[in-house]
PDB file of N, CA and C in Angstrom:
ATOM      1  N   MET A   1       0.868  -1.191   0.002  1.00  0.00           N
ATOM      2  CA  MET A   1      -0.011   0.001   0.012  1.00  0.00           C
ATOM      3  C   MET A   1       0.903   1.239  -0.009  1.00  0.00           C
ATOM      4  N   PRO A   2       0.694   2.151  -0.944  1.00  0.00           N
ATOM      5  CA  PRO A   2       1.528   3.351  -1.009  1.00  0.00           C
ATOM      6  C   PRO A   2       1.260   4.258   0.176  1.00  0.00           C
ATOM      7  N   ILE A   3       2.305   4.970   0.546  1.00  0.00           N
ATOM      8  CA  ILE A   3       2.239   5.859   1.676  1.00  0.00           C
ATOM      9  C   ILE A   3       2.371   7.339   1.248  1.00  0.00           C
ATOM     10  N   ASP A   4       1.543   8.196   1.782  1.00  0.00           N
ATOM     11  CA  ASP A   4       1.629   9.630   1.466  1.00  0.00           C
ATOM     12  C   ASP A   4       2.722  10.213   2.325  1.00  0.00           C
ATOM     13  N   THR A   5       3.903  10.357   1.761  1.00  0.00           N
ATOM     14  CA  THR A   5       5.065  10.759   2.517  1.00  0.00           C
ATOM     15  C   THR A   5       4.963  12.157   3.069  1.00  0.00           C
ATOM     16  N   LEU A   6       4.445  13.080   2.274  1.00  0.00           N
ATOM     17  CA  LEU A   6       4.327  14.460   2.733  1.00  0.00           C
ATOM     18  C   LEU A   6       3.378  14.581   3.903  1.00  0.00           C
ATOM     19  N   LYS A   7       2.255  13.895   3.805  1.00  0.00           N
ATOM     20  CA  LYS A   7       1.244  13.952   4.900  1.00  0.00           C
ATOM     21  C   LYS A   7       1.805  13.299   6.136  1.00  0.00           C
ATOM     22  N   SER A   8       2.519  12.194   5.972  1.00  0.00           N
ATOM     23  CA  SER A   8       3.098  11.502   7.139  1.00  0.00           C
ATOM     24  C   SER A   8       4.171  12.359   7.806  1.00  0.00           C
ATOM     25  N   LYS A   9       4.978  13.029   6.989  1.00  0.00           N
ATOM     26  CA  LYS A   9       6.031  13.891   7.549  1.00  0.00           C
ATOM     27  C   LYS A   9       5.388  15.032   8.352  1.00  0.00           C
ATOM     28  N   ARG A  10       4.399  15.678   7.756  1.00  0.00           N
ATOM     29  CA  ARG A  10       3.705  16.802   8.478  1.00  0.00           C
ATOM     30  C   ARG A  10       3.112  16.309   9.795  1.00  0.00           C
ATOM     31  N   ARG A  11       2.542  15.112   9.767  1.00  0.00           N
ATOM     32  CA  ARG A  11       1.913  14.563  10.976  1.00  0.00           C
ATOM     33  C   ARG A  11       2.969  14.330  12.055  1.00  0.00           C
ATOM     34  N   LEU A  12       4.113  13.778  11.675  1.00  0.00           N
ATOM     35  CA  LEU A  12       5.159  13.508  12.640  1.00  0.00           C
ATOM     36  C   LEU A  12       5.675  14.822  13.273  1.00  0.00           C
ATOM     37  N   VAL A  13       5.751  15.837  12.415  1.00  0.00           N
ATOM     38  CA  VAL A  13       6.246  17.140  12.929  1.00  0.00           C
ATOM     39  C   VAL A  13       5.214  17.815  13.812  1.00  0.00           C
ATOM     40  N   GLU A  14       3.936  17.894  13.307  1.00  0.00           N
ATOM     41  CA  GLU A  14       2.917  18.637  14.036  1.00  0.00           C
ATOM     42  C   GLU A  14       2.365  17.892  15.240  1.00  0.00           C
ATOM     43  N   GLU A  15       2.093  16.567  15.097  1.00  0.00           N
ATOM     44  CA  GLU A  15       1.440  15.862  16.198  1.00  0.00           C
ATOM     45  C   GLU A  15       2.433  15.276  17.207  1.00  0.00           C
ATOM     46  N   TYR A  16       3.628  14.933  16.761  1.00  0.00           N
ATOM     47  CA  TYR A  16       4.558  14.277  17.652  1.00  0.00           C
ATOM     48  C   TYR A  16       5.780  15.080  17.981  1.00  0.00           C
ATOM     49  N   GLY A  17       5.872  16.296  17.407  1.00  0.00           N
ATOM     50  CA  GLY A  17       6.905  17.212  17.795  1.00  0.00           C
ATOM     51  C   GLY A  17       8.304  16.882  17.269  1.00  0.00           C
ATOM     52  N   LEU A  18       8.415  16.075  16.237  1.00  0.00           N
ATOM     53  CA  LEU A  18       9.712  15.764  15.671  1.00  0.00           C
ATOM     54  C   LEU A  18      10.171  16.933  14.816  1.00  0.00           C
ATOM     55  N   ASP A  19      11.490  17.089  14.674  1.00  0.00           N
ATOM     56  CA  ASP A  19      11.926  18.115  13.750  1.00  0.00           C
ATOM     57  C   ASP A  19      11.849  17.587  12.326  1.00  0.00           C
ATOM     58  N   ASP A  20      11.975  18.473  11.354  1.00  0.00           N
ATOM     59  CA  ASP A  20      11.835  18.066   9.942  1.00  0.00           C
ATOM     60  C   ASP A  20      12.755  16.925   9.548  1.00  0.00           C
ATOM     61  N   ARG A  21      14.016  17.026   9.979  1.00  0.00           N
ATOM     62  CA  ARG A  21      14.996  16.041   9.566  1.00  0.00           C
ATOM     63  C   ARG A  21      14.625  14.632  10.125  1.00  0.00           C
ATOM     64  N   GLN A  22      14.249  14.591  11.369  1.00  0.00           N
ATOM     65  CA  GLN A  22      13.847  13.295  11.981  1.00  0.00           C
ATOM     66  C   GLN A  22      12.622  12.710  11.258  1.00  0.00           C
ATOM     67  N   ALA A  23      11.629  13.561  11.057  1.00  0.00           N
ATOM     68  CA  ALA A  23      10.390  13.110  10.426  1.00  0.00           C
ATOM     69  C   ALA A  23      10.671  12.635   8.986  1.00  0.00           C
ATOM     70  N   GLU A  24      11.492  13.371   8.278  1.00  0.00           N
ATOM     71  CA  GLU A  24      11.834  12.977   6.898  1.00  0.00           C
ATOM     72  C   GLU A  24      12.543  11.614   6.887  1.00  0.00           C
ATOM     73  N   GLY A  25      13.471  11.391   7.822  1.00  0.00           N
ATOM     74  CA  GLY A  25      14.191  10.122   7.886  1.00  0.00           C
ATOM     75  C   GLY A  25      13.257   8.955   8.161  1.00  0.00           C
ATOM     76  N   ILE A  26      12.344   9.163   9.105  1.00  0.00           N
ATOM     77  CA  ILE A  26      11.399   8.096   9.437  1.00  0.00           C
ATOM     78  C   ILE A  26      10.490   7.761   8.245  1.00  0.00           C
ATOM     79  N   VAL A  27      10.003   8.783   7.616  1.00  0.00           N
ATOM     80  CA  VAL A  27       9.095   8.583   6.447  1.00  0.00           C
ATOM     81  C   VAL A  27       9.823   7.882   5.310  1.00  0.00           C
ATOM     82  N   GLU A  28      11.074   8.266   5.092  1.00  0.00           N
ATOM     83  CA  GLU A  28      11.835   7.631   4.037  1.00  0.00           C
ATOM     84  C   GLU A  28      12.011   6.118   4.302  1.00  0.00           C
ATOM     85  N   LEU A  29      12.351   5.809   5.565  1.00  0.00           N
ATOM     86  CA  LEU A  29      12.490   4.404   5.937  1.00  0.00           C
ATOM     87  C   LEU A  29      11.192   3.614   5.722  1.00  0.00           C
ATOM     88  N   ILE A  30      10.103   4.201   6.146  1.00  0.00           N
ATOM     89  CA  ILE A  30       8.817   3.498   6.034  1.00  0.00           C
ATOM     90  C   ILE A  30       8.378   3.366   4.581  1.00  0.00           C
ATOM     91  N   ALA A  31       8.695   4.364   3.768  1.00  0.00           N
ATOM     92  CA  ALA A  31       8.229   4.411   2.373  1.00  0.00           C
ATOM     93  C   ALA A  31       9.049   3.502   1.459  1.00  0.00           C
ATOM     94  N   GLN A  32      10.239   3.045   1.903  1.00  0.00           N
ATOM     95  CA  GLN A  32      11.039   2.178   1.056  1.00  0.00           C
ATOM     96  C   GLN A  32      10.270   0.906   0.781  1.00  0.00           C
ATOM     97  N   PRO A  33      10.281   0.497  -0.472  1.00  0.00           N
ATOM     98  CA  PRO A  33       9.552  -0.734  -0.783  1.00  0.00           C
ATOM     99  C   PRO A  33      10.232  -1.941  -0.139  1.00  0.00           C
ATOM    100  N   GLU A  34       9.401  -2.805   0.404  1.00  0.00           N
ATOM    101  CA  GLU A  34       9.908  -4.015   1.034  1.00  0.00           C
ATOM    102  C   GLU A  34      10.344  -4.958  -0.080  1.00  0.00           C
ATOM    103  N   GLU A  35      11.406  -5.703   0.238  1.00  0.00           N
ATOM    104  CA  GLU A  35      11.852  -6.699  -0.761  1.00  0.00           C
ATOM    105  C   GLU A  35      10.823  -7.806  -0.787  1.00  0.00           C
ATOM    106  N   ARG A  36      10.406  -8.173  -1.944  1.00  0.00           N
ATOM    107  CA  ARG A  36       9.423  -9.220  -2.063  1.00  0.00           C
ATOM    108  C   ARG A  36      10.051 -10.563  -1.940  1.00  0.00           C
ATOM    109  N   GLY A  37       9.295 -11.520  -1.526  1.00  0.00           N
ATOM    110  CA  GLY A  37       9.805 -12.896  -1.457  1.00  0.00           C
ATOM    111  C   GLY A  37       9.824 -13.519  -2.837  1.00  0.00           C
ATOM    112  N   ALA A  38      10.508 -14.606  -2.917  1.00  0.00           N
ATOM    113  CA  ALA A  38      10.659 -15.299  -4.193  1.00  0.00           C
ATOM    114  C   ALA A  38       9.317 -15.964  -4.569  1.00  0.00           C
ATOM    115  N   THR A  39       8.972 -15.837  -5.834  1.00  0.00           N
ATOM    116  CA  THR A  39       7.773 -16.506  -6.306  1.00  0.00           C
ATOM    117  C   THR A  39       8.152 -17.854  -6.830  1.00  0.00           C
ATOM    118  N   ALA A  40       7.152 -18.685  -7.146  1.00  0.00           N
ATOM    119  CA  ALA A  40       7.403 -19.998  -7.699  1.00  0.00           C
ATOM    120  C   ALA A  40       8.171 -19.921  -8.998  1.00  0.00           C
ATOM    121  N   SER A  41       7.859 -18.905  -9.829  1.00  0.00           N
ATOM    122  CA  SER A  41       8.583 -18.773 -11.078  1.00  0.00           C
ATOM    123  C   SER A  41      10.037 -18.361 -10.834  1.00  0.00           C
ATOM    124  N   ASP A  42      10.268 -17.527  -9.797  1.00  0.00           N
ATOM    125  CA  ASP A  42      11.640 -17.167  -9.444  1.00  0.00           C
ATOM    126  C   ASP A  42      12.453 -18.407  -9.048  1.00  0.00           C
ATOM    127  N   VAL A  43      11.823 -19.257  -8.269  1.00  0.00           N
ATOM    128  CA  VAL A  43      12.474 -20.489  -7.797  1.00  0.00           C
ATOM    129  C   VAL A  43      12.729 -21.402  -9.018  1.00  0.00           C
ATOM    130  N   ASP A  44      11.766 -21.530  -9.913  1.00  0.00           N
ATOM    131  CA  ASP A  44      11.945 -22.366 -11.091  1.00  0.00           C
ATOM    132  C   ASP A  44      13.081 -21.827 -11.957  1.00  0.00           C
ATOM    133  N   ALA A  45      13.115 -20.524 -12.143  1.00  0.00           N
ATOM    134  CA  ALA A  45      14.173 -19.922 -12.954  1.00  0.00           C
ATOM    135  C   ALA A  45      15.540 -20.158 -12.328  1.00  0.00           C
ATOM    136  N   ALA A  46      15.621 -19.987 -11.031  1.00  0.00           N
ATOM    137  CA  ALA A  46      16.901 -20.223 -10.340  1.00  0.00           C
ATOM    138  C   ALA A  46      17.292 -21.697 -10.436  1.00  0.00           C
ATOM    139  N   LYS A  47      16.323 -22.578 -10.314  1.00  0.00           N
ATOM    140  CA  LYS A  47      16.587 -24.019 -10.412  1.00  0.00           C
ATOM    141  C   LYS A  47      17.087 -24.360 -11.805  1.00  0.00           C
ATOM    142  N   ARG A  48      16.480 -23.826 -12.839  1.00  0.00           N
ATOM    143  CA  ARG A  48      16.911 -24.076 -14.227  1.00  0.00           C
ATOM    144  C   ARG A  48      18.346 -23.555 -14.449  1.00  0.00           C
ATOM    145  N   GLU A  49      18.630 -22.378 -13.911  1.00  0.00           N
ATOM    146  CA  GLU A  49      19.953 -21.798 -14.102  1.00  0.00           C
ATOM    147  C   GLU A  49      21.014 -22.653 -13.376  1.00  0.00           C
ATOM    148  N   ILE A  50      20.698 -23.085 -12.162  1.00  0.00           N
ATOM    149  CA  ILE A  50      21.660 -23.948 -11.411  1.00  0.00           C
ATOM    150  C   ILE A  50      21.865 -25.268 -12.134  1.00  0.00           C
ATOM    151  N   LEU A  51      20.782 -25.871 -12.613  1.00  0.00           N
ATOM    152  CA  LEU A  51      20.927 -27.147 -13.326  1.00  0.00           C
ATOM    153  C   LEU A  51      21.724 -26.977 -14.630  1.00  0.00           C
ATOM    154  N   MET A  52      21.528 -25.836 -15.318  1.00  0.00           N
ATOM    155  CA  MET A  52      22.273 -25.577 -16.540  1.00  0.00           C
ATOM    156  C   MET A  52      23.779 -25.407 -16.198  1.00  0.00           C
ATOM    157  N   GLN A  53      24.074 -24.649 -15.172  1.00  0.00           N
ATOM    158  CA  GLN A  53      25.478 -24.467 -14.754  1.00  0.00           C
ATOM    159  C   GLN A  53      26.082 -25.808 -14.333  1.00  0.00           C
ATOM    160  N   LEU A  54      25.325 -26.600 -13.588  1.00  0.00           N
ATOM    161  CA  LEU A  54      25.820 -27.919 -13.153  1.00  0.00           C
ATOM    162  C   LEU A  54      26.069 -28.809 -14.355  1.00  0.00           C
ATOM    163  N   GLY A  55      25.154 -28.770 -15.296  1.00  0.00           N
ATOM    164  CA  GLY A  55      25.345 -29.555 -16.529  1.00  0.00           C
ATOM    165  C   GLY A  55      26.587 -29.147 -17.312  1.00  0.00           C
ATOM    166  N   ASN A  56      26.814 -27.830 -17.385  1.00  0.00           N
ATOM    167  CA  ASN A  56      28.001 -27.339 -18.052  1.00  0.00           C
ATOM    168  C   ASN A  56      29.272 -27.777 -17.333  1.00  0.00           C
ATOM    169  N   GLU A  57      29.234 -27.704 -16.002  1.00  0.00           N
ATOM    170  CA  GLU A  57      30.405 -28.103 -15.236  1.00  0.00           C
ATOM    171  C   GLU A  57      30.654 -29.635 -15.394  1.00  0.00           C
ATOM    172  N   ILE A  58      29.612 -30.408 -15.381  1.00  0.00           N
ATOM    173  CA  ILE A  58      29.770 -31.851 -15.592  1.00  0.00           C
ATOM    174  C   ILE A  58      30.345 -32.140 -16.965  1.00  0.00           C
ATOM    175  N   SER A  59      29.843 -31.470 -17.992  1.00  0.00           N
ATOM    176  CA  SER A  59      30.363 -31.670 -19.332  1.00  0.00           C
ATOM    177  C   SER A  59      31.824 -31.274 -19.429  1.00  0.00           C
ATOM    178  N   SER A  60      32.151 -30.180 -18.780  1.00  0.00           N
ATOM    179  CA  SER A  60      33.553 -29.714 -18.799  1.00  0.00           C
ATOM    180  C   SER A  60      34.456 -30.734 -18.067  1.00  0.00           C
ATOM    181  N   THR A  61      33.973 -31.213 -16.946  1.00  0.00           N
ATOM    182  CA  THR A  61      34.743 -32.199 -16.177  1.00  0.00           C
ATOM    183  C   THR A  61      34.889 -33.522 -16.967  1.00  0.00           C
ATOM    184  N   GLU A  62      33.839 -33.944 -17.617  1.00  0.00           N
ATOM    185  CA  GLU A  62      33.897 -35.177 -18.434  1.00  0.00           C
ATOM    186  C   GLU A  62      34.924 -35.009 -19.531  1.00  0.00           C
ATOM    187  N   GLU A  63      34.898 -33.880 -20.232  1.00  0.00           N
ATOM    188  CA  GLU A  63      35.827 -33.613 -21.312  1.00  0.00           C
ATOM    189  C   GLU A  63      37.263 -33.634 -20.808  1.00  0.00           C
ATOM    190  N   ARG A  64      37.484 -32.972 -19.672  1.00  0.00           N
ATOM    191  CA  ARG A  64      38.829 -32.936 -19.098  1.00  0.00           C
ATOM    192  C   ARG A  64      39.313 -34.340 -18.709  1.00  0.00           C
ATOM    193  N   LEU A  65      38.396 -35.131 -18.129  1.00  0.00           N
ATOM    194  CA  LEU A  65      38.752 -36.509 -17.751  1.00  0.00           C
ATOM    195  C   LEU A  65      39.090 -37.359 -18.967  1.00  0.00           C
ATOM    196  N   HIS A  66      38.292 -37.203 -20.034  1.00  0.00           N
ATOM    197  CA  HIS A  66      38.578 -37.955 -21.233  1.00  0.00           C
ATOM    198  C   HIS A  66      39.961 -37.579 -21.810  1.00  0.00           C
ATOM    199  N   LEU A  67      40.303 -36.321 -21.795  1.00  0.00           N
ATOM    200  CA  LEU A  67      41.597 -35.906 -22.273  1.00  0.00           C
ATOM    201  C   LEU A  67      42.725 -36.451 -21.416  1.00  0.00           C
ATOM    202  N   GLU A  68      42.538 -36.432 -20.100  1.00  0.00           N
ATOM    203  CA  GLU A  68      43.526 -36.968 -19.172  1.00  0.00           C
ATOM    204  C   GLU A  68      43.681 -38.471 -19.364  1.00  0.00           C
ATOM    205  N   MET A  69      42.576 -39.176 -19.562  1.00  0.00           N
ATOM    206  CA  MET A  69      42.623 -40.612 -19.786  1.00  0.00           C
ATOM    207  C   MET A  69      43.352 -40.926 -21.081  1.00  0.00           C
ATOM    208  N   GLU A  70      43.107 -40.162 -22.087  1.00  0.00           N
ATOM    209  CA  GLU A  70      43.793 -40.375 -23.377  1.00  0.00           C
ATOM    210  C   GLU A  70      45.289 -40.145 -23.217  1.00  0.00           C
ATOM    211  N   GLN A  71      45.657 -39.133 -22.469  1.00  0.00           N
ATOM    212  CA  GLN A  71      47.069 -38.845 -22.234  1.00  0.00           C
ATOM    213  C   GLN A  71      47.683 -39.968 -21.434  1.00  0.00           C
ATOM    214  N   MET A  72      47.024 -40.500 -20.444  1.00  0.00           N
ATOM    215  CA  MET A  72      47.531 -41.622 -19.658  1.00  0.00           C
ATOM    216  C   MET A  72      47.660 -42.861 -20.541  1.00  0.00           C
ATOM    217  N   ARG A  73      46.718 -43.128 -21.416  1.00  0.00           N
ATOM    218  CA  ARG A  73      46.802 -44.276 -22.312  1.00  0.00           C
ATOM    219  C   ARG A  73      47.985 -44.207 -23.212  1.00  0.00           C
ATOM    220  N   ARG A  74      48.265 -43.003 -23.735  1.00  0.00           N
ATOM    221  CA  ARG A  74      49.476 -42.819 -24.574  1.00  0.00           C
ATOM    222  C   ARG A  74      50.729 -43.063 -23.779  1.00  0.00           C
ATOM    223  N   GLN A  75      50.770 -42.559 -22.556  1.00  0.00           N
ATOM    224  CA  GLN A  75      51.943 -42.783 -21.702  1.00  0.00           C
ATOM    225  C   GLN A  75      52.147 -44.237 -21.422  1.00  0.00           C
ATOM    226  N   MET A  76      51.071 -44.966 -21.133  1.00  0.00           N
ATOM    227  CA  MET A  76      51.148 -46.410 -20.866  1.00  0.00           C
ATOM    228  C   MET A  76      51.682 -47.149 -22.088  1.00  0.00           C
ATOM    229  N   LEU A  77      51.190 -46.790 -23.253  1.00  0.00           N
ATOM    230  CA  LEU A  77      51.666 -47.406 -24.494  1.00  0.00           C
ATOM    231  C   LEU A  77      53.150 -47.164 -24.699  1.00  0.00           C
ATOM    232  N   GLN A  78      53.583 -45.925 -24.432  1.00  0.00           N
ATOM    233  CA  GLN A  78      54.999 -45.619 -24.559  1.00  0.00           C
ATOM    234  C   GLN A  78      55.852 -46.438 -23.594  1.00  0.00           C
ATOM    235  N   TRP A  79      55.369 -46.553 -22.354  1.00  0.00           N
ATOM    236  CA  TRP A  79      56.102 -47.376 -21.380  1.00  0.00           C
ATOM    237  C   TRP A  79      56.121 -48.854 -21.808  1.00  0.00           C
ATOM    238  N   MET A  80      54.986 -49.352 -22.283  1.00  0.00           N
ATOM    239  CA  MET A  80      54.915 -50.737 -22.693  1.00  0.00           C
ATOM    240  C   MET A  80      55.850 -50.991 -23.897  1.00  0.00           C
ATOM    241  N   LEU A  81      55.832 -50.119 -24.892  1.00  0.00           N
ATOM    242  CA  LEU A  81      56.697 -50.290 -26.026  1.00  0.00           C
ATOM    243  C   LEU A  81      58.158 -50.148 -25.669  1.00  0.00           C
ATOM    244  N   GLY A  82      58.441 -49.191 -24.759  1.00  0.00           N
ATOM    245  CA  GLY A  82      59.809 -49.042 -24.263  1.00  0.00           C
ATOM    246  C   GLY A  82      60.302 -50.268 -23.502  1.00  0.00           C
ATOM    247  N   SER A  83      59.410 -50.803 -22.645  1.00  0.00           N
ATOM    248  CA  SER A  83      59.750 -52.030 -21.910  1.00  0.00           C
ATOM    249  C   SER A  83      59.976 -53.191 -22.839  1.00  0.00           C
ATOM    250  N   ALA A  84      59.097 -53.345 -23.822  1.00  0.00           N
ATOM    251  CA  ALA A  84      59.244 -54.421 -24.803  1.00  0.00           C
ATOM    252  C   ALA A  84      60.547 -54.311 -25.558  1.00  0.00           C
ATOM    253  N   ALA A  85      60.880 -53.085 -25.952  1.00  0.00           N
ATOM    254  CA  ALA A  85      62.117 -52.865 -26.705  1.00  0.00           C
ATOM    255  C   ALA A  85      63.312 -53.191 -25.809  1.00  0.00           C
ATOM    256  N   PHE A  86      63.243 -52.791 -24.526  1.00  0.00           N
ATOM    257  CA  PHE A  86      64.331 -53.064 -23.604  1.00  0.00           C
ATOM    258  C   PHE A  86      64.513 -54.599 -23.394  1.00  0.00           C
ATOM    259  N   ILE A  87      63.374 -55.286 -23.184  1.00  0.00           N
ATOM    260  CA  ILE A  87      63.437 -56.749 -22.987  1.00  0.00           C
ATOM    261  C   ILE A  87      63.986 -57.430 -24.230  1.00  0.00           C
ATOM    262  N   THR A  88      63.566 -56.965 -25.403  1.00  0.00           N
ATOM    263  CA  THR A  88      64.061 -57.545 -26.648  1.00  0.00           C
ATOM    264  C   THR A  88      65.571 -57.341 -26.767  1.00  0.00           C
ATOM    265  N   ALA A  89      66.025 -56.148 -26.419  1.00  0.00           N
ATOM    266  CA  ALA A  89      67.454 -55.843 -26.467  1.00  0.00           C
ATOM    267  C   ALA A  89      68.212 -56.725 -25.476  1.00  0.00           C
ATOM    268  N   LEU A  90      67.647 -56.927 -24.272  1.00  0.00           N
ATOM    269  CA  LEU A  90      68.305 -57.767 -23.273  1.00  0.00           C
ATOM    270  C   LEU A  90      68.383 -59.224 -23.757  1.00  0.00           C
ATOM    271  N   LEU A  91      67.288 -59.730 -24.336  1.00  0.00           N
ATOM    272  CA  LEU A  91      67.280 -61.111 -24.829  1.00  0.00           C
ATOM    273  C   LEU A  91      68.257 -61.284 -25.976  1.00  0.00           C
ATOM    274  N   THR A  92      68.330 -60.299 -26.838  1.00  0.00           N
ATOM    275  CA  THR A  92      69.302 -60.349 -27.937  1.00  0.00           C
ATOM    276  C   THR A  92      70.728 -60.368 -27.399  1.00  0.00           C
ATOM    277  N   LEU A  93      70.982 -59.535 -26.402  1.00  0.00           N
ATOM    278  CA  LEU A  93      72.300 -59.482 -25.765  1.00  0.00           C
ATOM    279  C   LEU A  93      72.649 -60.818 -25.106  1.00  0.00           C
ATOM    280  N   PHE A  94      71.707 -61.394 -24.372  1.00  0.00           N
ATOM    281  CA  PHE A  94      71.957 -62.664 -23.725  1.00  0.00           C
ATOM    282  C   PHE A  94      72.235 -63.775 -24.744  1.00  0.00           C
ATOM    283  N   GLU A  95      71.514 -63.754 -25.870  1.00  0.00           N
ATOM    284  CA  GLU A  95      71.752 -64.744 -26.931  1.00  0.00           C
ATOM    285  C   GLU A  95      73.160 -64.619 -27.482  1.00  0.00           C
ATOM    286  N   TYR A  96      73.586 -63.372 -27.653  1.00  0.00           N
ATOM    287  CA  TYR A  96      74.907 -63.108 -28.209  1.00  0.00           C
ATOM    288  C   TYR A  96      75.985 -63.511 -27.232  1.00  0.00           C
ATOM    289  N   VAL A  97      75.752 -63.225 -25.898  1.00  0.00           N
ATOM    290  CA  VAL A  97      76.743 -63.527 -24.876  1.00  0.00           C
ATOM    291  C   VAL A  97      76.809 -65.030 -24.617  1.00  0.00           C
ATOM    292  N   LEU A  98      75.680 -65.640 -24.592  1.00  0.00           N
ATOM    293  CA  LEU A  98      75.634 -67.110 -24.265  1.00  0.00           C
ATOM    294  C   LEU A  98      75.911 -67.861 -25.498  1.00  0.00           C
TER     295      LEU A  98
END
């Protein structure tokens, strides 16, 4: 409900003996619109935004994990091939020595 600020200020000054500055301060505080509570549509919009952000983060994390797994797979292959080459070289050396 809107408040008549000028009328309220005059009433505070005339009826209650407040000075203009005090009355003006009180009326300004009372006249400020109250913050409204969240509506169902506000909650739904926030929920959609959070789910979208979460989905983006999950996709980003999945992509990063796939890249890391691919990098680890390559490193394992390099180690396996290096180990196989080393074993082959050792066996060849043993055949030559023995």
